[in-house]
Amino acid sequence: MLNELWAKVSAREKFVAYGAVAVLVGWILGQVLGSSTIGGGNVGGYNIPGYTINYFGWGNAGALEILALLAAIVVAVVLYLKVAPNMKIAWPLPVGQILLGAAAVSLVCGALATLIQITNGGNPPILMYVCDVLVVGGGAAMTWFSYQEFLASKTAA
């Protein structure tokens, strides 16, 4: 069944789906790889625990990363609902425009979170920035190919 649905998706929309997956993978990896432990150690025979900060999911940057993830999920759900069998939805806007809006939100939130993480100081793990590249790159891919799909729908209409 998944192959039948995937066959209904245009080439541009497939790249939009790939971008949504990249945002999801980047977010998950950021939760794992964006942590750094500060302090702690052994003093006088007593083990003093440090505290762990997740630069990727903490504070304003974390909220923006979650918004980027939610926008990518919206993109995936809209793509599914567009091609799902027995789904006759009267969309309030063209689907390309909905995809473009959600993808742009994901891109902007990912870029702002990256800027916050860069300017926040501290000593974040370098792999956190790899996860940022996945989120921003996925958002950029979704936005670009959604824009191309939107333009194609405008010229066909």
N, C-alpha and C. Protein backbone atom coordinates (compact mmCIF):
# COMPACT_ATOMS: atom_id res chain seq x y z
N MET A 1 0.81 -1.18 0.00
CA MET A 1 0.00 0.00 0.00
C MET A 1 0.87 1.26 0.00
N LEU A 2 1.98 1.22 0.73
CA LEU A 2 2.86 2.39 0.79
C LEU A 2 3.44 2.71 -0.58
N ASN A 3 3.77 1.67 -1.35
CA ASN A 3 4.29 1.90 -2.70
C ASN A 3 3.25 2.55 -3.61
N GLU A 4 1.98 2.17 -3.45
CA GLU A 4 0.91 2.78 -4.24
C GLU A 4 0.77 4.26 -3.91
N LEU A 5 0.84 4.60 -2.62
CA LEU A 5 0.75 6.00 -2.22
C LEU A 5 1.97 6.78 -2.70
N TRP A 6 3.16 6.18 -2.59
CA TRP A 6 4.40 6.85 -2.99
C TRP A 6 4.39 7.11 -4.50
N ALA A 7 3.75 6.23 -5.27
CA ALA A 7 3.68 6.42 -6.72
C ALA A 7 2.81 7.62 -7.09
N LYS A 8 1.87 7.99 -6.23
CA LYS A 8 1.00 9.14 -6.51
C LYS A 8 1.66 10.48 -6.22
N VAL A 9 2.77 10.46 -5.51
CA VAL A 9 3.44 11.68 -5.10
C VAL A 9 4.35 12.15 -6.24
N SER A 10 4.31 13.44 -6.55
CA SER A 10 5.17 13.97 -7.61
C SER A 10 6.63 13.97 -7.16
N ALA A 11 7.53 14.15 -8.12
CA ALA A 11 8.96 14.13 -7.80
C ALA A 11 9.32 15.25 -6.84
N ARG A 12 8.74 16.42 -7.01
CA ARG A 12 9.03 17.53 -6.10
C ARG A 12 8.51 17.23 -4.70
N GLU A 13 7.34 16.64 -4.62
CA GLU A 13 6.77 16.31 -3.31
C GLU A 13 7.57 15.21 -2.62
N LYS A 14 8.21 14.34 -3.39
CA LYS A 14 9.08 13.32 -2.78
C LYS A 14 10.25 13.99 -2.07
N PHE A 15 10.82 15.02 -2.70
CA PHE A 15 11.91 15.74 -2.05
C PHE A 15 11.43 16.50 -0.81
N VAL A 16 10.19 16.96 -0.85
CA VAL A 16 9.60 17.59 0.34
C VAL A 16 9.52 16.56 1.47
N ALA A 17 9.11 15.34 1.13
CA ALA A 17 9.03 14.26 2.14
C ALA A 17 10.42 13.92 2.67
N TYR A 18 11.42 13.88 1.78
CA TYR A 18 12.80 13.63 2.23
C TYR A 18 13.25 14.72 3.20
N GLY A 19 12.89 15.97 2.92
CA GLY A 19 13.24 17.06 3.81
C GLY A 19 12.60 16.90 5.18
N ALA A 20 11.33 16.46 5.19
CA ALA A 20 10.64 16.24 6.47
C ALA A 20 11.34 15.14 7.27
N VAL A 21 11.78 14.09 6.59
CA VAL A 21 12.50 13.01 7.26
C VAL A 21 13.84 13.52 7.79
N ALA A 22 14.52 14.38 7.02
CA ALA A 22 15.81 14.95 7.47
C ALA A 22 15.62 15.78 8.74
N VAL A 23 14.53 16.56 8.79
CA VAL A 23 14.26 17.34 10.00
C VAL A 23 14.02 16.40 11.19
N LEU A 24 13.25 15.36 10.99
CA LEU A 24 12.99 14.40 12.07
C LEU A 24 14.27 13.73 12.54
N VAL A 25 15.09 13.27 11.61
CA VAL A 25 16.35 12.60 11.98
C VAL A 25 17.28 13.60 12.68
N GLY A 26 17.36 14.82 12.16
CA GLY A 26 18.21 15.84 12.79
C GLY A 26 17.76 16.15 14.20
N TRP A 27 16.45 16.22 14.41
CA TRP A 27 15.93 16.51 15.74
C TRP A 27 16.25 15.37 16.71
N ILE A 28 16.03 14.13 16.27
CA ILE A 28 16.31 12.98 17.13
C ILE A 28 17.80 12.91 17.46
N LEU A 29 18.65 13.06 16.45
CA LEU A 29 20.09 13.03 16.70
C LEU A 29 20.52 14.19 17.60
N GLY A 30 19.89 15.35 17.45
CA GLY A 30 20.21 16.49 18.29
C GLY A 30 19.89 16.23 19.75
N GLN A 31 18.82 15.49 20.00
CA GLN A 31 18.49 15.16 21.38
C GLN A 31 19.54 14.24 21.99
N VAL A 32 20.14 13.40 21.17
CA VAL A 32 21.14 12.45 21.66
C VAL A 32 22.54 13.08 21.67
N LEU A 33 22.91 13.76 20.59
CA LEU A 33 24.28 14.23 20.42
C LEU A 33 24.51 15.65 20.94
N GLY A 34 23.46 16.36 21.30
CA GLY A 34 23.61 17.75 21.72
C GLY A 34 23.82 17.92 23.20
N SER A 35 24.11 16.85 23.92
CA SER A 35 24.27 16.93 25.38
C SER A 35 25.73 17.05 25.76
N SER A 36 25.96 17.78 26.84
CA SER A 36 27.30 17.95 27.38
C SER A 36 27.19 17.97 28.90
N THR A 37 28.07 17.23 29.58
CA THR A 37 28.06 17.18 31.04
C THR A 37 29.08 18.17 31.57
N ILE A 38 28.64 18.96 32.53
CA ILE A 38 29.49 19.99 33.11
C ILE A 38 29.68 19.68 34.59
N GLY A 39 30.90 19.81 35.05
CA GLY A 39 31.18 19.62 36.47
C GLY A 39 31.23 18.16 36.84
N GLY A 40 31.17 17.94 38.13
CA GLY A 40 31.20 16.59 38.65
C GLY A 40 32.63 16.11 38.86
N GLY A 41 32.74 14.96 39.41
CA GLY A 41 34.04 14.36 39.65
C GLY A 41 34.10 13.70 41.01
N ASN A 42 35.31 13.43 41.45
CA ASN A 42 35.53 12.75 42.71
C ASN A 42 36.35 13.68 43.60
N VAL A 43 35.76 14.09 44.72
CA VAL A 43 36.44 15.00 45.64
C VAL A 43 36.45 14.35 47.03
N GLY A 44 37.65 14.10 47.54
CA GLY A 44 37.78 13.54 48.88
C GLY A 44 37.09 12.20 49.04
N GLY A 45 37.05 11.42 48.00
CA GLY A 45 36.41 10.12 48.06
C GLY A 45 34.92 10.14 47.83
N TYR A 46 34.36 11.32 47.64
CA TYR A 46 32.92 11.44 47.37
C TYR A 46 32.70 11.72 45.88
N ASN A 47 31.78 11.00 45.33
CA ASN A 47 31.44 11.21 43.93
C ASN A 47 30.42 12.34 43.83
N ILE A 48 30.80 13.41 43.17
CA ILE A 48 29.91 14.55 42.99
C ILE A 48 29.40 14.52 41.55
N PRO A 49 28.09 14.36 41.38
CA PRO A 49 27.58 14.30 40.01
C PRO A 49 27.62 15.67 39.34
N GLY A 50 27.86 15.66 38.07
CA GLY A 50 27.78 16.88 37.28
C GLY A 50 26.35 17.06 36.79
N TYR A 51 26.15 18.05 36.01
CA TYR A 51 24.82 18.22 35.41
C TYR A 51 24.97 18.26 33.90
N THR A 52 23.98 17.74 33.25
CA THR A 52 24.01 17.62 31.81
C THR A 52 23.10 18.68 31.20
N ILE A 53 23.64 19.35 30.20
CA ILE A 53 22.88 20.35 29.45
C ILE A 53 22.71 19.82 28.04
N ASN A 54 21.51 19.87 27.54
CA ASN A 54 21.28 19.54 26.15
C ASN A 54 21.11 20.86 25.41
N TYR A 55 22.15 21.26 24.68
CA TYR A 55 22.14 22.52 23.97
C TYR A 55 21.09 22.53 22.86
N PHE A 56 20.76 21.35 22.39
CA PHE A 56 19.82 21.25 21.27
C PHE A 56 18.37 21.37 21.72
N GLY A 57 18.06 20.93 22.92
CA GLY A 57 16.67 20.90 23.34
C GLY A 57 16.39 21.75 24.55
N TRP A 58 17.23 22.74 24.84
CA TRP A 58 17.11 23.51 26.06
C TRP A 58 16.81 24.97 25.72
N GLY A 59 15.93 25.59 26.45
CA GLY A 59 15.65 27.01 26.30
C GLY A 59 14.91 27.35 25.02
N ASN A 60 15.16 28.55 24.53
CA ASN A 60 14.48 29.03 23.32
C ASN A 60 14.84 28.21 22.09
N ALA A 61 16.11 27.80 22.00
CA ALA A 61 16.51 26.99 20.85
C ALA A 61 15.73 25.67 20.81
N GLY A 62 15.53 25.08 21.97
CA GLY A 62 14.77 23.83 22.02
C GLY A 62 13.33 24.01 21.58
N ALA A 63 12.72 25.12 22.00
CA ALA A 63 11.34 25.40 21.58
C ALA A 63 11.26 25.59 20.07
N LEU A 64 12.25 26.29 19.51
CA LEU A 64 12.24 26.50 18.06
C LEU A 64 12.49 25.19 17.31
N GLU A 65 13.33 24.33 17.86
CA GLU A 65 13.57 23.03 17.21
C GLU A 65 12.30 22.18 17.23
N ILE A 66 11.55 22.25 18.33
CA ILE A 66 10.29 21.50 18.40
C ILE A 66 9.29 22.06 17.39
N LEU A 67 9.24 23.39 17.25
CA LEU A 67 8.35 23.98 16.23
C LEU A 67 8.77 23.55 14.82
N ALA A 68 10.07 23.49 14.57
CA ALA A 68 10.54 23.01 13.26
C ALA A 68 10.11 21.57 13.03
N LEU A 69 10.20 20.75 14.07
CA LEU A 69 9.77 19.35 13.96
C LEU A 69 8.27 19.26 13.71
N LEU A 70 7.49 20.05 14.46
CA LEU A 70 6.03 20.02 14.28
C LEU A 70 5.63 20.47 12.87
N ALA A 71 6.31 21.47 12.34
CA ALA A 71 6.02 21.92 10.98
C ALA A 71 6.35 20.83 9.97
N ALA A 72 7.45 20.10 10.19
CA ALA A 72 7.79 18.99 9.30
C ALA A 72 6.76 17.88 9.39
N ILE A 73 6.23 17.63 10.58
CA ILE A 73 5.17 16.63 10.73
C ILE A 73 3.92 17.08 10.00
N VAL A 74 3.60 18.37 10.07
CA VAL A 74 2.44 18.90 9.32
C VAL A 74 2.63 18.66 7.83
N VAL A 75 3.83 18.90 7.33
CA VAL A 75 4.11 18.67 5.91
C VAL A 75 3.87 17.20 5.56
N ALA A 76 4.38 16.29 6.38
CA ALA A 76 4.20 14.86 6.11
C ALA A 76 2.73 14.46 6.14
N VAL A 77 1.98 14.99 7.09
CA VAL A 77 0.56 14.66 7.20
C VAL A 77 -0.21 15.20 5.99
N VAL A 78 0.09 16.43 5.57
CA VAL A 78 -0.60 17.00 4.41
C VAL A 78 -0.30 16.18 3.16
N LEU A 79 0.97 15.78 3.00
CA LEU A 79 1.31 14.94 1.84
C LEU A 79 0.55 13.62 1.88
N TYR A 80 0.45 13.02 3.06
CA TYR A 80 -0.28 11.76 3.17
C TYR A 80 -1.76 11.95 2.85
N LEU A 81 -2.36 12.98 3.44
CA LEU A 81 -3.79 13.21 3.21
C LEU A 81 -4.09 13.54 1.76
N LYS A 82 -3.13 14.13 1.07
CA LYS A 82 -3.34 14.47 -0.34
C LYS A 82 -3.47 13.22 -1.21
N VAL A 83 -2.68 12.19 -0.89
CA VAL A 83 -2.66 11.00 -1.76
C VAL A 83 -3.37 9.79 -1.16
N ALA A 84 -3.84 9.90 0.07
CA ALA A 84 -4.48 8.75 0.72
C ALA A 84 -5.76 8.37 -0.01
N PRO A 85 -6.02 7.07 -0.11
CA PRO A 85 -7.26 6.64 -0.75
C PRO A 85 -8.47 7.02 0.10
N ASN A 86 -9.57 7.26 -0.55
CA ASN A 86 -10.83 7.62 0.11
C ASN A 86 -10.75 8.93 0.89
N MET A 87 -9.82 9.78 0.54
CA MET A 87 -9.71 11.09 1.19
C MET A 87 -10.06 12.16 0.17
N LYS A 88 -11.20 12.71 0.30
CA LYS A 88 -11.62 13.82 -0.56
C LYS A 88 -11.72 15.06 0.33
N ILE A 89 -10.63 15.78 0.39
CA ILE A 89 -10.57 16.94 1.28
C ILE A 89 -10.72 18.20 0.45
N ALA A 90 -11.57 19.10 0.91
CA ALA A 90 -11.70 20.42 0.29
C ALA A 90 -10.69 21.32 0.99
N TRP A 91 -9.50 21.43 0.41
CA TRP A 91 -8.43 22.21 1.02
C TRP A 91 -8.79 23.69 0.97
N PRO A 92 -8.54 24.42 2.06
CA PRO A 92 -8.85 25.85 2.06
C PRO A 92 -7.89 26.66 1.19
N LEU A 93 -6.71 26.11 0.94
CA LEU A 93 -5.69 26.72 0.08
C LEU A 93 -5.16 25.63 -0.84
N PRO A 94 -4.47 26.01 -1.89
CA PRO A 94 -3.80 24.96 -2.69
C PRO A 94 -2.80 24.19 -1.82
N VAL A 95 -2.69 22.91 -2.06
CA VAL A 95 -1.82 22.06 -1.25
C VAL A 95 -0.38 22.55 -1.31
N GLY A 96 0.06 23.00 -2.47
CA GLY A 96 1.41 23.52 -2.60
C GLY A 96 1.65 24.72 -1.69
N GLN A 97 0.65 25.53 -1.52
CA GLN A 97 0.77 26.70 -0.65
C GLN A 97 0.82 26.29 0.82
N ILE A 98 0.05 25.30 1.19
CA ILE A 98 0.08 24.79 2.57
C ILE A 98 1.45 24.19 2.87
N LEU A 99 1.95 23.39 1.92
CA LEU A 99 3.27 22.79 2.10
C LEU A 99 4.34 23.87 2.20
N LEU A 100 4.24 24.89 1.36
CA LEU A 100 5.22 25.96 1.37
C LEU A 100 5.22 26.70 2.70
N GLY A 101 4.05 26.99 3.23
CA GLY A 101 3.97 27.70 4.51
C GLY A 101 4.56 26.89 5.65
N ALA A 102 4.20 25.62 5.75
CA ALA A 102 4.72 24.78 6.83
C ALA A 102 6.22 24.55 6.68
N ALA A 103 6.67 24.36 5.45
CA ALA A 103 8.11 24.15 5.22
C ALA A 103 8.90 25.41 5.56
N ALA A 104 8.37 26.57 5.23
CA ALA A 104 9.05 27.82 5.56
C ALA A 104 9.13 28.02 7.07
N VAL A 105 8.09 27.65 7.79
CA VAL A 105 8.13 27.72 9.26
C VAL A 105 9.22 26.81 9.80
N SER A 106 9.34 25.62 9.26
CA SER A 106 10.37 24.68 9.70
C SER A 106 11.76 25.25 9.42
N LEU A 107 11.97 25.82 8.26
CA LEU A 107 13.26 26.39 7.91
C LEU A 107 13.62 27.56 8.82
N VAL A 108 12.70 28.48 9.01
CA VAL A 108 12.97 29.66 9.83
C VAL A 108 13.24 29.27 11.29
N CYS A 109 12.44 28.36 11.82
CA CYS A 109 12.65 27.92 13.21
C CYS A 109 13.99 27.22 13.37
N GLY A 110 14.35 26.37 12.43
CA GLY A 110 15.65 25.69 12.50
C GLY A 110 16.80 26.67 12.40
N ALA A 111 16.69 27.66 11.51
CA ALA A 111 17.76 28.64 11.36
C ALA A 111 17.88 29.52 12.61
N LEU A 112 16.75 29.95 13.17
CA LEU A 112 16.80 30.76 14.39
C LEU A 112 17.38 29.97 15.56
N ALA A 113 17.01 28.71 15.68
CA ALA A 113 17.55 27.88 16.76
C ALA A 113 19.06 27.74 16.61
N THR A 114 19.53 27.57 15.39
CA THR A 114 20.97 27.46 15.15
C THR A 114 21.68 28.75 15.53
N LEU A 115 21.10 29.89 15.18
CA LEU A 115 21.70 31.17 15.56
C LEU A 115 21.74 31.35 17.07
N ILE A 116 20.69 30.93 17.75
CA ILE A 116 20.68 31.01 19.21
C ILE A 116 21.77 30.12 19.79
N GLN A 117 21.93 28.93 19.27
CA GLN A 117 22.94 28.01 19.78
C GLN A 117 24.35 28.53 19.53
N ILE A 118 24.56 29.17 18.39
CA ILE A 118 25.89 29.70 18.07
C ILE A 118 26.23 30.87 18.99
N THR A 119 25.28 31.74 19.25
CA THR A 119 25.55 32.94 20.04
C THR A 119 25.38 32.73 21.53
N ASN A 120 24.95 31.55 21.95
CA ASN A 120 24.67 31.30 23.36
C ASN A 120 25.92 31.13 24.20
N GLY A 121 27.05 30.92 23.59
CA GLY A 121 28.27 30.70 24.37
C GLY A 121 28.35 29.28 24.87
N GLY A 122 29.18 29.09 25.86
CA GLY A 122 29.36 27.75 26.39
C GLY A 122 30.27 26.93 25.50
N ASN A 123 30.26 25.66 25.69
CA ASN A 123 31.10 24.75 24.92
C ASN A 123 30.24 23.60 24.41
N PRO A 124 29.36 23.87 23.43
CA PRO A 124 28.47 22.81 22.94
C PRO A 124 29.25 21.76 22.14
N PRO A 125 28.74 20.55 22.11
CA PRO A 125 29.38 19.51 21.30
C PRO A 125 29.28 19.86 19.82
N ILE A 126 30.32 19.56 19.08
CA ILE A 126 30.36 19.90 17.66
C ILE A 126 29.30 19.11 16.87
N LEU A 127 28.95 17.91 17.32
CA LEU A 127 27.96 17.12 16.61
C LEU A 127 26.57 17.75 16.66
N MET A 128 26.37 18.65 17.63
CA MET A 128 25.10 19.36 17.68
C MET A 128 24.91 20.19 16.40
N TYR A 129 25.99 20.76 15.90
CA TYR A 129 25.89 21.57 14.70
C TYR A 129 25.61 20.70 13.47
N VAL A 130 26.06 19.45 13.49
CA VAL A 130 25.71 18.53 12.39
C VAL A 130 24.20 18.30 12.39
N CYS A 131 23.63 18.16 13.58
CA CYS A 131 22.18 17.98 13.69
C CYS A 131 21.45 19.24 13.23
N ASP A 132 22.02 20.41 13.55
CA ASP A 132 21.44 21.67 13.06
C ASP A 132 21.45 21.73 11.54
N VAL A 133 22.53 21.26 10.94
CA VAL A 133 22.61 21.25 9.48
C VAL A 133 21.52 20.36 8.90
N LEU A 134 21.26 19.22 9.54
CA LEU A 134 20.18 18.34 9.07
C LEU A 134 18.82 19.02 9.18
N VAL A 135 18.56 19.70 10.29
CA VAL A 135 17.27 20.37 10.47
C VAL A 135 17.11 21.52 9.48
N VAL A 136 18.13 22.36 9.38
CA VAL A 136 18.04 23.51 8.47
C VAL A 136 18.05 23.04 7.02
N GLY A 137 18.88 22.05 6.70
CA GLY A 137 18.91 21.52 5.34
C GLY A 137 17.60 20.86 4.94
N GLY A 138 17.02 20.12 5.87
CA GLY A 138 15.71 19.51 5.59
C GLY A 138 14.64 20.57 5.40
N GLY A 139 14.66 21.61 6.24
CA GLY A 139 13.72 22.71 6.08
C GLY A 139 13.91 23.45 4.76
N ALA A 140 15.18 23.62 4.37
CA ALA A 140 15.45 24.29 3.10
C ALA A 140 14.98 23.45 1.92
N ALA A 141 15.22 22.15 1.98
CA ALA A 141 14.76 21.27 0.90
C ALA A 141 13.23 21.28 0.81
N MET A 142 12.57 21.19 1.97
CA MET A 142 11.11 21.23 1.95
C MET A 142 10.62 22.54 1.37
N THR A 143 11.23 23.66 1.76
CA THR A 143 10.78 24.96 1.29
C THR A 143 11.02 25.11 -0.20
N TRP A 144 12.19 24.75 -0.69
CA TRP A 144 12.51 24.92 -2.11
C TRP A 144 11.59 24.07 -2.99
N PHE A 145 11.44 22.81 -2.65
CA PHE A 145 10.62 21.94 -3.51
C PHE A 145 9.13 22.22 -3.33
N SER A 146 8.71 22.70 -2.17
CA SER A 146 7.32 23.14 -2.02
C SER A 146 7.06 24.37 -2.88
N TYR A 147 8.03 25.26 -2.92
CA TYR A 147 7.91 26.45 -3.77
C TYR A 147 7.82 26.04 -5.25
N GLN A 148 8.64 25.09 -5.66
CA GLN A 148 8.59 24.61 -7.04
C GLN A 148 7.24 23.97 -7.34
N GLU A 149 6.70 23.21 -6.39
CA GLU A 149 5.38 22.59 -6.56
C GLU A 149 4.30 23.65 -6.63
N PHE A 150 4.42 24.67 -5.80
CA PHE A 150 3.45 25.77 -5.81
C PHE A 150 3.49 26.50 -7.15
N LEU A 151 4.69 26.78 -7.68
CA LEU A 151 4.79 27.43 -8.98
C LEU A 151 4.21 26.58 -10.09
N ALA A 152 4.45 25.27 -10.01
CA ALA A 152 3.90 24.36 -11.03
C ALA A 152 2.37 24.35 -10.99
N SER A 153 1.81 24.42 -9.78
CA SER A 153 0.36 24.42 -9.67
C SER A 153 -0.22 25.73 -10.17
N LYS A 154 0.52 26.83 -10.03
CA LYS A 154 0.04 28.13 -10.51
C LYS A 154 0.04 28.20 -12.04
N THR A 155 1.07 27.61 -12.68
CA THR A 155 1.13 27.66 -14.13
C THR A 155 0.15 26.68 -14.76
N ALA A 156 -0.17 25.59 -14.04
CA ALA A 156 -1.13 24.61 -14.57
C ALA A 156 -2.56 25.11 -14.46
N ALA A 157 -2.79 25.99 -13.52
CA ALA A 157 -4.17 26.47 -13.29
C ALA A 157 -4.59 27.52 -14.27
